[in-house]
Amino acid sequence: MLTNTPGHLKTFDYLGLYRYSLTFCTDRRRARFTTDAVVDLVKQQILRAATENQFAVIAYCFMPDHLHLLIEGRSDASDCKRFIALAKQYSGYYFKRAYRESLWQRYGYERVLRDDEASKVAARYILENPIRRRLVERVEDYPYVGSEEYELAHLLEDVARSD
């Protein structure tokens, strides 16, 4: 994934009860998310930013060189731009403190999801990423995929029903 300068939507304020599919790439696409320690450190800071900005983390997948998130605003004050900035700032700070290297590329990708069906498609894409990359044969076998809102098995069932 190349990251030129993807901009935010000009006519959308990114506030409120919306769902977003986000992708953050690691600096120079280096394989950072290959150990429990790194994934746990970064996930803790992502969840901190989600709590502070009133977002639920519906699905996540830490691939070796990028992170996929499906988040949902839980209040009218949920601010996706602020969540993105803080999630990357918090996790980048603690990663650099621990490993003395930068974590993130400057820009990421976001997509505003308009309905429940689009959310299921995004969740499927996120959860099945390790299968497409041939890292595992089943989602359940990949250690760095999950949800902070649902048990993985229930989320996979719901996504499967959208076929």
N, C-alpha and C. Protein backbone atom coordinates (compact mmCIF):
# COMPACT_ATOMS: atom_id res chain seq x y z
N MET A 1 0.83 -1.17 0.00
CA MET A 1 0.00 0.00 0.00
C MET A 1 0.87 1.23 0.00
N LEU A 2 0.76 2.01 -1.01
CA LEU A 2 1.47 3.27 -1.04
C LEU A 2 0.60 4.32 -0.38
N THR A 3 1.24 5.23 0.29
CA THR A 3 0.47 6.27 0.97
C THR A 3 0.94 7.62 0.47
N ASN A 4 0.36 8.09 -0.60
CA ASN A 4 0.67 9.44 -1.07
C ASN A 4 0.17 10.40 -0.01
N THR A 5 -0.91 11.08 -0.27
CA THR A 5 -1.49 11.95 0.72
C THR A 5 -3.00 11.77 0.70
N PRO A 6 -3.48 10.63 1.15
CA PRO A 6 -4.93 10.44 1.11
C PRO A 6 -5.59 11.42 2.05
N GLY A 7 -6.54 12.15 1.54
CA GLY A 7 -7.19 13.16 2.36
C GLY A 7 -8.50 12.67 2.94
N HIS A 8 -8.98 13.41 3.91
CA HIS A 8 -10.30 13.13 4.47
C HIS A 8 -11.35 13.67 3.50
N LEU A 9 -12.56 13.19 3.63
CA LEU A 9 -13.66 13.70 2.82
C LEU A 9 -13.89 15.16 3.18
N LYS A 10 -14.00 16.00 2.19
CA LYS A 10 -14.12 17.44 2.42
C LYS A 10 -15.48 17.83 3.00
N THR A 11 -16.53 17.09 2.67
CA THR A 11 -17.88 17.48 3.10
C THR A 11 -18.41 16.63 4.25
N PHE A 12 -17.52 15.97 4.97
CA PHE A 12 -17.93 15.10 6.06
C PHE A 12 -17.13 15.48 7.30
N ASP A 13 -17.80 15.58 8.46
CA ASP A 13 -17.10 16.08 9.65
C ASP A 13 -16.50 15.00 10.55
N TYR A 14 -16.77 13.73 10.26
CA TYR A 14 -16.19 12.61 11.02
C TYR A 14 -16.61 12.60 12.49
N LEU A 15 -17.75 13.16 12.79
CA LEU A 15 -18.28 13.19 14.15
C LEU A 15 -19.56 12.39 14.23
N GLY A 16 -19.70 11.62 15.31
CA GLY A 16 -20.98 10.99 15.56
C GLY A 16 -20.98 9.48 15.48
N LEU A 17 -22.17 8.95 15.27
CA LEU A 17 -22.44 7.52 15.34
C LEU A 17 -22.20 6.84 14.00
N TYR A 18 -20.98 6.89 13.52
CA TYR A 18 -20.62 6.29 12.23
C TYR A 18 -19.65 5.14 12.44
N ARG A 19 -19.57 4.29 11.42
CA ARG A 19 -18.59 3.21 11.42
C ARG A 19 -17.53 3.52 10.37
N TYR A 20 -16.31 3.09 10.68
CA TYR A 20 -15.18 3.36 9.79
C TYR A 20 -14.32 2.11 9.66
N SER A 21 -13.83 1.91 8.46
CA SER A 21 -12.80 0.91 8.21
C SER A 21 -11.50 1.67 8.05
N LEU A 22 -10.52 1.36 8.89
CA LEU A 22 -9.25 2.09 8.92
C LEU A 22 -8.09 1.14 8.65
N THR A 23 -7.08 1.63 7.98
CA THR A 23 -5.84 0.89 7.78
C THR A 23 -4.67 1.81 8.07
N PHE A 24 -3.80 1.36 8.97
CA PHE A 24 -2.57 2.08 9.30
C PHE A 24 -1.40 1.20 8.89
N CYS A 25 -0.49 1.73 8.11
CA CYS A 25 0.70 0.97 7.67
C CYS A 25 1.89 1.33 8.54
N THR A 26 2.74 0.35 8.77
CA THR A 26 3.95 0.60 9.56
C THR A 26 4.96 1.40 8.73
N ASP A 27 5.84 2.06 9.42
CA ASP A 27 6.89 2.84 8.79
C ASP A 27 7.71 1.95 7.85
N ARG A 28 7.81 2.39 6.61
CA ARG A 28 8.54 1.64 5.57
C ARG A 28 8.06 0.20 5.42
N ARG A 29 6.82 -0.02 5.83
CA ARG A 29 6.17 -1.34 5.74
C ARG A 29 7.01 -2.45 6.38
N ARG A 30 7.67 -2.11 7.46
CA ARG A 30 8.45 -3.10 8.19
C ARG A 30 7.52 -4.00 8.98
N ALA A 31 7.88 -5.26 9.09
CA ALA A 31 7.09 -6.25 9.83
C ALA A 31 7.27 -6.01 11.33
N ARG A 32 6.35 -5.29 11.90
CA ARG A 32 6.41 -4.95 13.33
C ARG A 32 5.51 -5.84 14.18
N PHE A 33 4.38 -6.25 13.62
CA PHE A 33 3.38 -6.96 14.41
C PHE A 33 3.56 -8.48 14.27
N THR A 34 4.68 -8.95 14.83
CA THR A 34 5.00 -10.37 14.73
C THR A 34 5.18 -11.03 16.09
N THR A 35 5.05 -10.24 17.16
CA THR A 35 5.19 -10.80 18.50
C THR A 35 4.04 -10.32 19.38
N ASP A 36 3.71 -11.14 20.36
CA ASP A 36 2.66 -10.77 21.30
C ASP A 36 2.97 -9.47 22.01
N ALA A 37 4.22 -9.24 22.37
CA ALA A 37 4.59 -8.04 23.13
C ALA A 37 4.29 -6.77 22.34
N VAL A 38 4.65 -6.74 21.07
CA VAL A 38 4.40 -5.55 20.26
C VAL A 38 2.91 -5.36 20.02
N VAL A 39 2.23 -6.43 19.64
CA VAL A 39 0.79 -6.32 19.38
C VAL A 39 0.05 -5.88 20.64
N ASP A 40 0.38 -6.44 21.78
CA ASP A 40 -0.28 -6.05 23.03
C ASP A 40 -0.02 -4.59 23.37
N LEU A 41 1.21 -4.13 23.21
CA LEU A 41 1.55 -2.74 23.49
C LEU A 41 0.73 -1.80 22.61
N VAL A 42 0.69 -2.07 21.32
CA VAL A 42 -0.02 -1.20 20.38
C VAL A 42 -1.53 -1.30 20.59
N LYS A 43 -2.03 -2.51 20.78
CA LYS A 43 -3.48 -2.68 20.98
C LYS A 43 -3.95 -1.93 22.22
N GLN A 44 -3.18 -1.97 23.27
CA GLN A 44 -3.54 -1.26 24.50
C GLN A 44 -3.71 0.24 24.23
N GLN A 45 -2.84 0.82 23.44
CA GLN A 45 -2.93 2.25 23.14
C GLN A 45 -4.05 2.57 22.16
N ILE A 46 -4.32 1.67 21.24
CA ILE A 46 -5.46 1.84 20.32
C ILE A 46 -6.75 1.84 21.14
N LEU A 47 -6.86 0.91 22.07
CA LEU A 47 -8.06 0.84 22.91
C LEU A 47 -8.18 2.06 23.82
N ARG A 48 -7.06 2.56 24.29
CA ARG A 48 -7.08 3.79 25.09
C ARG A 48 -7.68 4.94 24.28
N ALA A 49 -7.22 5.11 23.04
CA ALA A 49 -7.74 6.17 22.17
C ALA A 49 -9.22 5.93 21.86
N ALA A 50 -9.60 4.67 21.68
CA ALA A 50 -11.00 4.35 21.40
C ALA A 50 -11.88 4.73 22.58
N THR A 51 -11.46 4.40 23.78
CA THR A 51 -12.23 4.73 24.98
C THR A 51 -12.36 6.25 25.14
N GLU A 52 -11.25 6.94 25.00
CA GLU A 52 -11.26 8.40 25.16
C GLU A 52 -12.15 9.10 24.14
N ASN A 53 -12.29 8.52 22.96
CA ASN A 53 -13.07 9.14 21.89
C ASN A 53 -14.41 8.46 21.65
N GLN A 54 -14.79 7.58 22.57
CA GLN A 54 -16.08 6.90 22.55
C GLN A 54 -16.32 6.10 21.26
N PHE A 55 -15.34 5.23 20.96
CA PHE A 55 -15.45 4.32 19.83
C PHE A 55 -15.40 2.89 20.33
N ALA A 56 -16.17 2.04 19.68
CA ALA A 56 -16.08 0.60 19.90
C ALA A 56 -15.18 0.02 18.82
N VAL A 57 -14.32 -0.93 19.19
CA VAL A 57 -13.48 -1.62 18.22
C VAL A 57 -14.20 -2.92 17.87
N ILE A 58 -14.87 -2.90 16.73
CA ILE A 58 -15.70 -4.03 16.30
C ILE A 58 -14.83 -5.18 15.80
N ALA A 59 -13.78 -4.85 15.05
CA ALA A 59 -12.87 -5.88 14.54
C ALA A 59 -11.49 -5.26 14.36
N TYR A 60 -10.48 -6.10 14.54
CA TYR A 60 -9.11 -5.65 14.29
C TYR A 60 -8.30 -6.82 13.75
N CYS A 61 -7.26 -6.48 13.01
CA CYS A 61 -6.32 -7.48 12.52
C CYS A 61 -4.95 -6.81 12.38
N PHE A 62 -4.02 -7.31 13.18
CA PHE A 62 -2.64 -6.85 13.10
C PHE A 62 -1.90 -7.75 12.12
N MET A 63 -1.72 -7.28 10.91
CA MET A 63 -0.90 -7.99 9.94
C MET A 63 0.55 -7.60 10.22
N PRO A 64 1.52 -8.34 9.70
CA PRO A 64 2.91 -8.01 10.04
C PRO A 64 3.29 -6.54 9.80
N ASP A 65 2.78 -5.95 8.70
CA ASP A 65 3.20 -4.59 8.36
C ASP A 65 2.07 -3.56 8.30
N HIS A 66 0.90 -3.91 8.77
CA HIS A 66 -0.19 -2.95 8.83
C HIS A 66 -1.27 -3.41 9.79
N LEU A 67 -2.15 -2.49 10.12
CA LEU A 67 -3.24 -2.75 11.05
C LEU A 67 -4.56 -2.37 10.41
N HIS A 68 -5.54 -3.27 10.49
CA HIS A 68 -6.91 -2.98 10.05
C HIS A 68 -7.79 -2.84 11.28
N LEU A 69 -8.67 -1.84 11.26
CA LEU A 69 -9.64 -1.64 12.34
C LEU A 69 -11.01 -1.38 11.75
N LEU A 70 -12.03 -1.90 12.40
CA LEU A 70 -13.41 -1.53 12.14
C LEU A 70 -13.91 -0.93 13.44
N ILE A 71 -14.20 0.38 13.42
CA ILE A 71 -14.60 1.07 14.64
C ILE A 71 -15.98 1.68 14.44
N GLU A 72 -16.65 1.93 15.57
CA GLU A 72 -17.98 2.51 15.52
C GLU A 72 -18.11 3.57 16.61
N GLY A 73 -18.53 4.76 16.22
CA GLY A 73 -18.77 5.83 17.18
C GLY A 73 -19.93 5.48 18.09
N ARG A 74 -19.76 5.76 19.37
CA ARG A 74 -20.79 5.43 20.37
C ARG A 74 -21.54 6.65 20.88
N SER A 75 -21.16 7.85 20.41
CA SER A 75 -21.88 9.06 20.83
C SER A 75 -21.79 10.10 19.72
N ASP A 76 -22.60 11.12 19.84
CA ASP A 76 -22.54 12.21 18.87
C ASP A 76 -21.20 12.93 18.91
N ALA A 77 -20.47 12.78 20.00
CA ALA A 77 -19.17 13.43 20.16
C ALA A 77 -18.00 12.56 19.68
N SER A 78 -18.27 11.35 19.23
CA SER A 78 -17.19 10.48 18.74
C SER A 78 -16.54 11.14 17.52
N ASP A 79 -15.24 11.36 17.61
CA ASP A 79 -14.50 12.11 16.59
C ASP A 79 -13.45 11.18 15.97
N CYS A 80 -13.71 10.74 14.75
CA CYS A 80 -12.81 9.77 14.11
C CYS A 80 -11.43 10.38 13.82
N LYS A 81 -11.39 11.62 13.38
CA LYS A 81 -10.09 12.25 13.11
C LYS A 81 -9.25 12.29 14.38
N ARG A 82 -9.87 12.64 15.49
CA ARG A 82 -9.15 12.69 16.78
C ARG A 82 -8.74 11.27 17.20
N PHE A 83 -9.62 10.29 17.01
CA PHE A 83 -9.27 8.91 17.34
C PHE A 83 -8.03 8.48 16.56
N ILE A 84 -8.03 8.72 15.26
CA ILE A 84 -6.89 8.32 14.42
C ILE A 84 -5.60 8.97 14.92
N ALA A 85 -5.67 10.26 15.15
CA ALA A 85 -4.47 10.99 15.60
C ALA A 85 -3.96 10.45 16.93
N LEU A 86 -4.86 10.25 17.88
CA LEU A 86 -4.43 9.78 19.20
C LEU A 86 -4.00 8.32 19.18
N ALA A 87 -4.70 7.48 18.43
CA ALA A 87 -4.32 6.07 18.36
C ALA A 87 -2.89 5.93 17.84
N LYS A 88 -2.58 6.67 16.77
CA LYS A 88 -1.24 6.60 16.21
C LYS A 88 -0.21 7.28 17.11
N GLN A 89 -0.61 8.38 17.74
CA GLN A 89 0.32 9.09 18.63
C GLN A 89 0.66 8.25 19.85
N TYR A 90 -0.36 7.74 20.54
CA TYR A 90 -0.12 6.94 21.75
C TYR A 90 0.71 5.69 21.43
N SER A 91 0.25 4.93 20.44
CA SER A 91 0.95 3.68 20.13
C SER A 91 2.35 3.94 19.60
N GLY A 92 2.49 4.98 18.77
CA GLY A 92 3.81 5.31 18.24
C GLY A 92 4.78 5.74 19.33
N TYR A 93 4.29 6.50 20.30
CA TYR A 93 5.13 6.96 21.40
C TYR A 93 5.65 5.77 22.22
N TYR A 94 4.75 4.89 22.63
CA TYR A 94 5.17 3.76 23.47
C TYR A 94 6.01 2.75 22.70
N PHE A 95 5.73 2.59 21.41
CA PHE A 95 6.56 1.71 20.59
C PHE A 95 7.98 2.27 20.49
N LYS A 96 8.08 3.56 20.20
CA LYS A 96 9.41 4.18 20.06
C LYS A 96 10.17 4.12 21.38
N ARG A 97 9.47 4.34 22.47
CA ARG A 97 10.11 4.27 23.79
C ARG A 97 10.67 2.87 24.06
N ALA A 98 9.93 1.84 23.64
CA ALA A 98 10.35 0.47 23.89
C ALA A 98 11.36 -0.06 22.88
N TYR A 99 11.22 0.35 21.60
CA TYR A 99 12.02 -0.27 20.55
C TYR A 99 12.93 0.70 19.80
N ARG A 100 12.87 1.99 20.14
CA ARG A 100 13.75 3.01 19.57
C ARG A 100 13.61 3.17 18.05
N GLU A 101 12.42 2.91 17.54
CA GLU A 101 12.16 3.07 16.10
C GLU A 101 10.76 3.60 15.90
N SER A 102 10.54 4.24 14.77
CA SER A 102 9.20 4.74 14.43
C SER A 102 8.28 3.58 14.10
N LEU A 103 7.01 3.77 14.39
CA LEU A 103 6.04 2.70 14.14
C LEU A 103 5.24 2.93 12.86
N TRP A 104 4.70 4.13 12.67
CA TRP A 104 3.70 4.33 11.62
C TRP A 104 4.20 5.17 10.45
N GLN A 105 3.63 4.87 9.28
CA GLN A 105 3.71 5.81 8.16
C GLN A 105 2.83 7.00 8.53
N ARG A 106 3.08 8.12 7.91
CA ARG A 106 2.34 9.33 8.26
C ARG A 106 0.85 9.20 7.97
N TYR A 107 0.49 8.71 6.82
CA TYR A 107 -0.91 8.67 6.43
C TYR A 107 -1.46 7.26 6.54
N GLY A 108 -2.76 7.17 6.63
CA GLY A 108 -3.46 5.89 6.62
C GLY A 108 -4.64 5.98 5.68
N TYR A 109 -5.47 4.99 5.74
CA TYR A 109 -6.65 4.94 4.89
C TYR A 109 -7.89 4.81 5.76
N GLU A 110 -8.94 5.50 5.37
CA GLU A 110 -10.19 5.36 6.09
C GLU A 110 -11.33 5.30 5.09
N ARG A 111 -12.35 4.58 5.49
CA ARG A 111 -13.57 4.51 4.69
C ARG A 111 -14.75 4.64 5.65
N VAL A 112 -15.65 5.55 5.36
CA VAL A 112 -16.86 5.70 6.14
C VAL A 112 -17.85 4.66 5.62
N LEU A 113 -18.39 3.87 6.53
CA LEU A 113 -19.32 2.81 6.14
C LEU A 113 -20.75 3.31 6.31
N ARG A 114 -21.56 3.09 5.31
CA ARG A 114 -22.88 3.71 5.29
C ARG A 114 -24.00 2.85 5.86
N ASP A 115 -23.81 1.55 5.88
CA ASP A 115 -24.90 0.71 6.39
C ASP A 115 -24.33 -0.57 6.99
N ASP A 116 -25.22 -1.37 7.55
CA ASP A 116 -24.81 -2.60 8.22
C ASP A 116 -24.15 -3.58 7.26
N GLU A 117 -24.64 -3.64 6.04
CA GLU A 117 -24.07 -4.57 5.06
C GLU A 117 -22.63 -4.19 4.73
N ALA A 118 -22.38 -2.91 4.56
CA ALA A 118 -21.00 -2.45 4.29
C ALA A 118 -20.09 -2.78 5.47
N SER A 119 -20.63 -2.71 6.67
CA SER A 119 -19.84 -3.05 7.86
C SER A 119 -19.48 -4.53 7.87
N LYS A 120 -20.41 -5.38 7.47
CA LYS A 120 -20.12 -6.81 7.42
C LYS A 120 -19.08 -7.14 6.36
N VAL A 121 -19.16 -6.47 5.23
CA VAL A 121 -18.15 -6.66 4.18
C VAL A 121 -16.78 -6.23 4.70
N ALA A 122 -16.72 -5.08 5.38
CA ALA A 122 -15.45 -4.61 5.94
C ALA A 122 -14.93 -5.56 7.01
N ALA A 123 -15.83 -6.05 7.87
CA ALA A 123 -15.41 -7.00 8.91
C ALA A 123 -14.85 -8.26 8.29
N ARG A 124 -15.51 -8.77 7.26
CA ARG A 124 -15.02 -9.97 6.58
C ARG A 124 -13.64 -9.71 6.00
N TYR A 125 -13.46 -8.59 5.34
CA TYR A 125 -12.17 -8.26 4.75
C TYR A 125 -11.09 -8.22 5.82
N ILE A 126 -11.39 -7.58 6.93
CA ILE A 126 -10.42 -7.46 8.02
C ILE A 126 -10.09 -8.83 8.60
N LEU A 127 -11.10 -9.60 8.93
CA LEU A 127 -10.88 -10.88 9.59
C LEU A 127 -10.21 -11.91 8.68
N GLU A 128 -10.47 -11.84 7.38
CA GLU A 128 -9.92 -12.84 6.46
C GLU A 128 -8.57 -12.44 5.86
N ASN A 129 -8.06 -11.30 6.26
CA ASN A 129 -6.78 -10.83 5.75
C ASN A 129 -5.66 -11.85 5.92
N PRO A 130 -5.52 -12.48 7.07
CA PRO A 130 -4.43 -13.47 7.23
C PRO A 130 -4.60 -14.69 6.31
N ILE A 131 -5.83 -15.02 5.96
CA ILE A 131 -6.07 -16.14 5.04
C ILE A 131 -5.62 -15.73 3.64
N ARG A 132 -6.01 -14.53 3.20
CA ARG A 132 -5.61 -14.07 1.87
C ARG A 132 -4.10 -13.99 1.73
N ARG A 133 -3.43 -13.66 2.81
CA ARG A 133 -1.96 -13.57 2.80
C ARG A 133 -1.30 -14.93 3.02
N ARG A 134 -2.11 -15.96 3.18
CA ARG A 134 -1.65 -17.34 3.38
C ARG A 134 -0.81 -17.50 4.65
N LEU A 135 -1.18 -16.76 5.68
CA LEU A 135 -0.52 -16.91 6.97
C LEU A 135 -1.16 -18.03 7.78
N VAL A 136 -2.45 -18.26 7.57
CA VAL A 136 -3.20 -19.33 8.23
C VAL A 136 -4.27 -19.82 7.27
N GLU A 137 -4.86 -20.97 7.62
CA GLU A 137 -5.97 -21.48 6.81
C GLU A 137 -7.33 -21.09 7.38
N ARG A 138 -7.36 -20.81 8.69
CA ARG A 138 -8.61 -20.41 9.35
C ARG A 138 -8.35 -19.15 10.16
N VAL A 139 -9.32 -18.24 10.16
CA VAL A 139 -9.19 -17.00 10.93
C VAL A 139 -8.85 -17.29 12.38
N GLU A 140 -9.50 -18.29 12.95
CA GLU A 140 -9.32 -18.61 14.36
C GLU A 140 -7.89 -19.00 14.71
N ASP A 141 -7.10 -19.34 13.72
CA ASP A 141 -5.71 -19.75 13.96
C ASP A 141 -4.73 -18.58 13.98
N TYR A 142 -5.20 -17.41 13.62
CA TYR A 142 -4.31 -16.24 13.59
C TYR A 142 -4.39 -15.54 14.94
N PRO A 143 -3.26 -15.31 15.59
CA PRO A 143 -3.30 -14.79 16.97
C PRO A 143 -3.63 -13.30 17.09
N TYR A 144 -3.54 -12.55 16.01
CA TYR A 144 -3.66 -11.10 16.14
C TYR A 144 -4.90 -10.54 15.44
N VAL A 145 -5.98 -11.27 15.53
CA VAL A 145 -7.26 -10.86 14.96
C VAL A 145 -8.31 -11.00 16.05
N GLY A 146 -9.30 -10.09 16.06
CA GLY A 146 -10.33 -10.21 17.08
C GLY A 146 -11.26 -9.02 17.10
N SER A 147 -11.93 -8.87 18.24
CA SER A 147 -12.90 -7.81 18.47
C SER A 147 -12.90 -7.48 19.95
N GLU A 148 -13.12 -6.24 20.26
CA GLU A 148 -13.27 -5.85 21.66
C GLU A 148 -14.74 -5.80 22.05
N GLU A 149 -15.63 -6.05 21.10
CA GLU A 149 -17.07 -5.99 21.35
C GLU A 149 -17.75 -7.35 21.33
N TYR A 150 -17.20 -8.25 20.54
CA TYR A 150 -17.84 -9.55 20.33
C TYR A 150 -16.82 -10.66 20.47
N GLU A 151 -17.30 -11.83 20.83
CA GLU A 151 -16.44 -13.00 20.77
C GLU A 151 -16.16 -13.27 19.30
N LEU A 152 -14.95 -13.68 18.99
CA LEU A 152 -14.56 -13.89 17.60
C LEU A 152 -15.51 -14.87 16.91
N ALA A 153 -15.88 -15.95 17.56
CA ALA A 153 -16.77 -16.94 16.95
C ALA A 153 -18.11 -16.32 16.55
N HIS A 154 -18.66 -15.45 17.42
CA HIS A 154 -19.94 -14.80 17.10
C HIS A 154 -19.79 -13.82 15.94
N LEU A 155 -18.70 -13.09 15.93
CA LEU A 155 -18.46 -12.15 14.85
C LEU A 155 -18.30 -12.89 13.52
N LEU A 156 -17.57 -13.99 13.54
CA LEU A 156 -17.40 -14.78 12.31
C LEU A 156 -18.73 -15.35 11.83
N GLU A 157 -19.57 -15.79 12.74
CA GLU A 157 -20.91 -16.29 12.37
C GLU A 157 -21.72 -15.20 11.71
N ASP A 158 -21.73 -14.01 12.29
CA ASP A 158 -22.50 -12.90 11.77
C ASP A 158 -22.00 -12.53 10.37
N VAL A 159 -20.70 -12.49 10.20
CA VAL A 159 -20.12 -12.16 8.90
C VAL A 159 -20.46 -13.25 7.88
N ALA A 160 -20.44 -14.51 8.30
CA ALA A 160 -20.76 -15.62 7.39
C ALA A 160 -22.22 -15.56 6.93
N ARG A 161 -23.11 -15.09 7.80
CA ARG A 161 -24.53 -14.99 7.45
C ARG A 161 -24.79 -13.94 6.38
N SER A 162 -23.85 -13.06 6.14
CA SER A 162 -24.07 -12.01 5.16
C SER A 162 -23.80 -12.48 3.72
N ASP A 163 -23.49 -13.76 3.55
CA ASP A 163 -23.23 -14.30 2.20
C ASP A 163 -24.45 -14.21 1.32
